[in-house]
């Protein structure tokens, strides 16, 4: 279950993940940007088994905030579940995001973005992630301009915001 929130990000009810997407209800989400010591950014290729945006690139880890969970708790959980790491997180951004997902459902999320540095190994959750790779910032900027179809809708918006590009 996921908390449904109002425009002020106050909990007003609860619903399933599919229900908030189908009805276009405001809910909370987290994204985590993993960087290495070279300043490269880790992207993941979403699994072909994913309901939304399969086989598309997205941020290092992301997901919904479960009912009663804090943003920080959700970010830690998603990082561990999706790519198998646990490390200190720094909150770096918060914003509202409205978009249509690959199933053409309206998503309305109150997003908080976290970042961390990681040099170790990764362990993928089955059905979530195909692979991960660190990308140089210049390469990401080029890809976002020339190959935007390779990115999940949330990935494009959040990466452009993080990299400060239009």
C-alpha atoms as a PDB file:
ATOM      1  CA  UNK A   1       0.000   0.000   0.000  1.00  0.00           C
ATOM      2  CA  UNK A   2       1.054   3.557  -0.722  1.00  0.00           C
ATOM      3  CA  UNK A   3       0.088   6.775   1.048  1.00  0.00           C
ATOM      4  CA  UNK A   4      -2.035   9.053  -1.111  1.00  0.00           C
ATOM      5  CA  UNK A   5      -1.154  12.683  -0.418  1.00  0.00           C
ATOM      6  CA  UNK A   6      -2.617  16.073  -1.230  1.00  0.00           C
ATOM      7  CA  UNK A   7      -0.791  18.885  -2.997  1.00  0.00           C
ATOM      8  CA  UNK A   8       0.790  19.903   0.331  1.00  0.00           C
ATOM      9  CA  UNK A   9       2.205  16.353   0.673  1.00  0.00           C
ATOM     10  CA  UNK A  10      -0.042  15.498   3.619  1.00  0.00           C
ATOM     11  CA  UNK A  11      -1.431  11.954   3.802  1.00  0.00           C
ATOM     12  CA  UNK A  12      -5.143  11.817   2.971  1.00  0.00           C
ATOM     13  CA  UNK A  13      -5.695   8.095   2.274  1.00  0.00           C
ATOM     14  CA  UNK A  14      -3.997   4.953   1.003  1.00  0.00           C
ATOM     15  CA  UNK A  15      -4.164   2.949  -2.215  1.00  0.00           C
ATOM     16  CA  UNK A  16      -2.343   0.286  -4.179  1.00  0.00           C
ATOM     17  CA  UNK A  17       0.444   1.208  -6.561  1.00  0.00           C
ATOM     18  CA  UNK A  18      -1.669   0.412  -9.615  1.00  0.00           C
ATOM     19  CA  UNK A  19      -4.604   2.404  -8.244  1.00  0.00           C
ATOM     20  CA  UNK A  20      -2.570   5.593  -7.712  1.00  0.00           C
ATOM     21  CA  UNK A  21      -1.246   5.307 -11.260  1.00  0.00           C
ATOM     22  CA  UNK A  22      -4.602   4.545 -12.893  1.00  0.00           C
ATOM     23  CA  UNK A  23      -6.389   7.341 -11.026  1.00  0.00           C
ATOM     24  CA  UNK A  24      -3.536   9.860 -11.222  1.00  0.00           C
ATOM     25  CA  UNK A  25      -3.380  10.323  -7.441  1.00  0.00           C
ATOM     26  CA  UNK A  26      -0.556  12.219  -5.742  1.00  0.00           C
ATOM     27  CA  UNK A  27       1.845   9.880  -3.975  1.00  0.00           C
ATOM     28  CA  UNK A  28       5.450   9.886  -2.783  1.00  0.00           C
ATOM     29  CA  UNK A  29       8.500   8.595  -4.602  1.00  0.00           C
ATOM     30  CA  UNK A  30      12.250   8.467  -4.140  1.00  0.00           C
ATOM     31  CA  UNK A  31      15.191   8.432  -6.498  1.00  0.00           C
ATOM     32  CA  UNK A  32      18.798   7.719  -5.646  1.00  0.00           C
ATOM     33  CA  UNK A  33      21.768   8.894  -7.698  1.00  0.00           C
ATOM     34  CA  UNK A  34      24.833   6.748  -7.082  1.00  0.00           C
ATOM     35  CA  UNK A  35      28.154   8.268  -8.106  1.00  0.00           C
ATOM     36  CA  UNK A  36      31.681   6.908  -8.005  1.00  0.00           C
ATOM     37  CA  UNK A  37      34.840   8.756  -6.956  1.00  0.00           C
ATOM     38  CA  UNK A  38      35.347   9.891 -10.588  1.00  0.00           C
ATOM     39  CA  UNK A  39      31.997  11.729 -10.529  1.00  0.00           C
ATOM     40  CA  UNK A  40      30.389   9.262 -12.924  1.00  0.00           C
ATOM     41  CA  UNK A  41      26.691   8.508 -12.463  1.00  0.00           C
ATOM     42  CA  UNK A  42      25.286   4.996 -12.187  1.00  0.00           C
ATOM     43  CA  UNK A  43      22.284   4.172 -14.355  1.00  0.00           C
ATOM     44  CA  UNK A  44      20.338   0.953 -14.382  1.00  0.00           C
ATOM     45  CA  UNK A  45      18.656  -0.836 -17.239  1.00  0.00           C
ATOM     46  CA  UNK A  46      15.160  -1.723 -16.048  1.00  0.00           C
ATOM     47  CA  UNK A  47      14.220  -5.371 -16.376  1.00  0.00           C
ATOM     48  CA  UNK A  48      12.114  -6.571 -19.280  1.00  0.00           C
ATOM     49  CA  UNK A  49       9.750  -7.924 -16.574  1.00  0.00           C
ATOM     50  CA  UNK A  50       8.885  -4.445 -15.228  1.00  0.00           C
ATOM     51  CA  UNK A  51       5.263  -3.291 -15.634  1.00  0.00           C
ATOM     52  CA  UNK A  52       6.264   0.272 -16.501  1.00  0.00           C
ATOM     53  CA  UNK A  53       9.201   1.371 -18.640  1.00  0.00           C
ATOM     54  CA  UNK A  54      10.735  -2.087 -19.237  1.00  0.00           C
ATOM     55  CA  UNK A  55      14.152  -2.178 -20.955  1.00  0.00           C
ATOM     56  CA  UNK A  56      14.741   1.535 -20.415  1.00  0.00           C
ATOM     57  CA  UNK A  57      17.497   3.383 -18.579  1.00  0.00           C
ATOM     58  CA  UNK A  58      16.719   5.099 -15.302  1.00  0.00           C
ATOM     59  CA  UNK A  59      18.455   6.458 -12.241  1.00  0.00           C
ATOM     60  CA  UNK A  60      20.544   4.219 -10.014  1.00  0.00           C
ATOM     61  CA  UNK A  61      17.519   3.233  -7.909  1.00  0.00           C
ATOM     62  CA  UNK A  62      14.017   4.573  -7.433  1.00  0.00           C
ATOM     63  CA  UNK A  63      10.610   3.624  -6.176  1.00  0.00           C
ATOM     64  CA  UNK A  64       7.546   4.472  -4.181  1.00  0.00           C
ATOM     65  CA  UNK A  65       7.348   5.372  -0.528  1.00  0.00           C
ATOM     66  CA  UNK A  66       5.298   2.660   1.162  1.00  0.00           C
ATOM     67  CA  UNK A  67       2.423   3.421   3.527  1.00  0.00           C
ATOM     68  CA  UNK A  68       3.736   4.931   6.762  1.00  0.00           C
ATOM     69  CA  UNK A  69       7.341   4.988   5.547  1.00  0.00           C
ATOM     70  CA  UNK A  70       9.609   8.049   5.487  1.00  0.00           C
ATOM     71  CA  UNK A  71      11.346   9.167   2.314  1.00  0.00           C
ATOM     72  CA  UNK A  72      14.706   8.254   3.837  1.00  0.00           C
ATOM     73  CA  UNK A  73      13.496   4.747   4.777  1.00  0.00           C
ATOM     74  CA  UNK A  74      12.140   4.238   1.264  1.00  0.00           C
ATOM     75  CA  UNK A  75      15.396   5.401  -0.337  1.00  0.00           C
ATOM     76  CA  UNK A  76      17.455   3.002   1.807  1.00  0.00           C
ATOM     77  CA  UNK A  77      15.038   0.140   1.006  1.00  0.00           C
ATOM     78  CA  UNK A  78      15.056   0.797  -2.754  1.00  0.00           C
ATOM     79  CA  UNK A  79      18.846   1.037  -2.868  1.00  0.00           C
ATOM     80  CA  UNK A  80      19.198  -2.301  -1.084  1.00  0.00           C
ATOM     81  CA  UNK A  81      16.401  -4.050  -2.989  1.00  0.00           C
ATOM     82  CA  UNK A  82      17.312  -2.928  -6.494  1.00  0.00           C
ATOM     83  CA  UNK A  83      21.107  -2.887  -6.544  1.00  0.00           C
ATOM     84  CA  UNK A  84      22.094  -4.523  -3.256  1.00  0.00           C
ATOM     85  CA  UNK A  85      23.968  -1.718  -1.537  1.00  0.00           C
ATOM     86  CA  UNK A  86      23.683   0.014   1.826  1.00  0.00           C
ATOM     87  CA  UNK A  87      25.461   3.291   2.444  1.00  0.00           C
ATOM     88  CA  UNK A  88      24.958   6.804   3.773  1.00  0.00           C
ATOM     89  CA  UNK A  89      22.529   8.938   1.777  1.00  0.00           C
ATOM     90  CA  UNK A  90      22.324  12.692   1.318  1.00  0.00           C
ATOM     91  CA  UNK A  91      19.029  14.354   0.348  1.00  0.00           C
ATOM     92  CA  UNK A  92      19.787  16.644  -2.596  1.00  0.00           C
ATOM     93  CA  UNK A  93      16.452  17.666  -4.131  1.00  0.00           C
ATOM     94  CA  UNK A  94      12.669  17.638  -3.716  1.00  0.00           C
ATOM     95  CA  UNK A  95      10.053  18.493  -6.334  1.00  0.00           C
ATOM     96  CA  UNK A  96       6.682  17.592  -7.808  1.00  0.00           C
ATOM     97  CA  UNK A  97       6.625  15.536 -10.981  1.00  0.00           C
ATOM     98  CA  UNK A  98       3.702  14.876 -13.319  1.00  0.00           C
ATOM     99  CA  UNK A  99       4.151  12.638 -16.350  1.00  0.00           C
ATOM    100  CA  UNK A 100       2.651   9.778 -18.324  1.00  0.00           C
ATOM    101  CA  UNK A 101       4.358   6.442 -17.750  1.00  0.00           C
ATOM    102  CA  UNK A 102       4.930   3.833 -20.453  1.00  0.00           C
ATOM    103  CA  UNK A 103       1.456   2.382 -19.741  1.00  0.00           C
ATOM    104  CA  UNK A 104       0.070   5.870 -20.520  1.00  0.00           C
ATOM    105  CA  UNK A 105      -1.182   6.302 -16.957  1.00  0.00           C
ATOM    106  CA  UNK A 106      -0.795   9.700 -15.328  1.00  0.00           C
ATOM    107  CA  UNK A 107       1.735   9.744 -12.490  1.00  0.00           C
ATOM    108  CA  UNK A 108       1.724  12.524  -9.923  1.00  0.00           C
ATOM    109  CA  UNK A 109       4.590  12.156  -7.471  1.00  0.00           C
ATOM    110  CA  UNK A 110       6.113  14.153  -4.657  1.00  0.00           C
ATOM    111  CA  UNK A 111       9.757  13.197  -5.242  1.00  0.00           C
ATOM    112  CA  UNK A 112      12.788  13.390  -3.000  1.00  0.00           C
ATOM    113  CA  UNK A 113      16.171  12.676  -4.547  1.00  0.00           C
ATOM    114  CA  UNK A 114      19.120  11.295  -2.604  1.00  0.00           C
ATOM    115  CA  UNK A 115      22.734  10.721  -3.594  1.00  0.00           C
ATOM    116  CA  UNK A 116      25.632   8.610  -2.422  1.00  0.00           C
ATOM    117  CA  UNK A 117      29.122   7.513  -3.400  1.00  0.00           C
ATOM    118  CA  UNK A 118      29.739   3.811  -4.051  1.00  0.00           C
ATOM    119  CA  UNK A 119      32.816   1.928  -5.257  1.00  0.00           C
ATOM    120  CA  UNK A 120      31.803  -1.638  -4.394  1.00  0.00           C
ATOM    121  CA  UNK A 121      29.894  -4.438  -6.063  1.00  0.00           C
ATOM    122  CA  UNK A 122      26.189  -4.593  -6.888  1.00  0.00           C
ATOM    123  CA  UNK A 123      23.623  -7.346  -6.377  1.00  0.00           C
ATOM    124  CA  UNK A 124      20.464  -7.127  -8.475  1.00  0.00           C
ATOM    125  CA  UNK A 125      16.994  -8.078  -7.408  1.00  0.00           C
ATOM    126  CA  UNK A 126      15.528 -10.598  -9.851  1.00  0.00           C
ATOM    127  CA  UNK A 127      12.969  -8.973 -12.106  1.00  0.00           C
ATOM    128  CA  UNK A 128      14.037  -5.411 -11.286  1.00  0.00           C
ATOM    129  CA  UNK A 129      17.364  -4.677 -12.945  1.00  0.00           C
ATOM    130  CA  UNK A 130      19.097  -6.084 -16.044  1.00  0.00           C
ATOM    131  CA  UNK A 131      22.434  -4.297 -15.542  1.00  0.00           C
ATOM    132  CA  UNK A 132      24.054  -1.144 -14.167  1.00  0.00           C
ATOM    133  CA  UNK A 133      26.814   1.038 -15.565  1.00  0.00           C
ATOM    134  CA  UNK A 134      28.628   4.220 -14.556  1.00  0.00           C
ATOM    135  CA  UNK A 135      28.408   6.970 -17.192  1.00  0.00           C
ATOM    136  CA  UNK A 136      30.507  10.106 -17.574  1.00  0.00           C
ATOM    137  CA  UNK A 137      28.469  13.299 -17.221  1.00  0.00           C
ATOM    138  CA  UNK A 138      29.290  14.458 -20.775  1.00  0.00           C
ATOM    139  CA  UNK A 139      28.138  11.122 -22.174  1.00  0.00           C
ATOM    140  CA  UNK A 140      24.863  11.336 -20.233  1.00  0.00           C
ATOM    141  CA  UNK A 141      24.202  14.848 -21.480  1.00  0.00           C
ATOM    142  CA  UNK A 142      24.756  13.711 -25.060  1.00  0.00           C
ATOM    143  CA  UNK A 143      22.526  10.663 -24.607  1.00  0.00           C
ATOM    144  CA  UNK A 144      19.720  12.748 -23.119  1.00  0.00           C
ATOM    145  CA  UNK A 145      19.794  15.018 -26.185  1.00  0.00           C
ATOM    146  CA  UNK A 146      20.343  12.395 -28.904  1.00  0.00           C
ATOM    147  CA  UNK A 147      18.945   9.145 -27.477  1.00  0.00           C
ATOM    148  CA  UNK A 148      16.148  10.203 -25.124  1.00  0.00           C
ATOM    149  CA  UNK A 149      13.998   7.240 -26.211  1.00  0.00           C
ATOM    150  CA  UNK A 150      16.367   4.970 -24.248  1.00  0.00           C
ATOM    151  CA  UNK A 151      15.292   6.525 -20.916  1.00  0.00           C
ATOM    152  CA  UNK A 152      12.271   5.950 -18.698  1.00  0.00           C
ATOM    153  CA  UNK A 153      10.134   9.128 -18.465  1.00  0.00           C
ATOM    154  CA  UNK A 154      11.141   9.731 -14.846  1.00  0.00           C
ATOM    155  CA  UNK A 155      14.781   9.132 -15.724  1.00  0.00           C
ATOM    156  CA  UNK A 156      14.824  11.880 -18.343  1.00  0.00           C
ATOM    157  CA  UNK A 157      13.184  14.485 -16.129  1.00  0.00           C
ATOM    158  CA  UNK A 158      15.254  13.762 -13.051  1.00  0.00           C
ATOM    159  CA  UNK A 159      18.591  13.430 -14.854  1.00  0.00           C
ATOM    160  CA  UNK A 160      18.062  16.696 -16.717  1.00  0.00           C
ATOM    161  CA  UNK A 161      17.151  18.399 -13.461  1.00  0.00           C
ATOM    162  CA  UNK A 162      20.208  16.956 -11.686  1.00  0.00           C
ATOM    163  CA  UNK A 163      22.569  17.806 -14.560  1.00  0.00           C
ATOM    164  CA  UNK A 164      20.950  21.243 -14.945  1.00  0.00           C
ATOM    165  CA  UNK A 165      20.133  20.874 -18.627  1.00  0.00           C
ATOM    166  CA  UNK A 166      16.949  21.825 -20.507  1.00  0.00           C
END
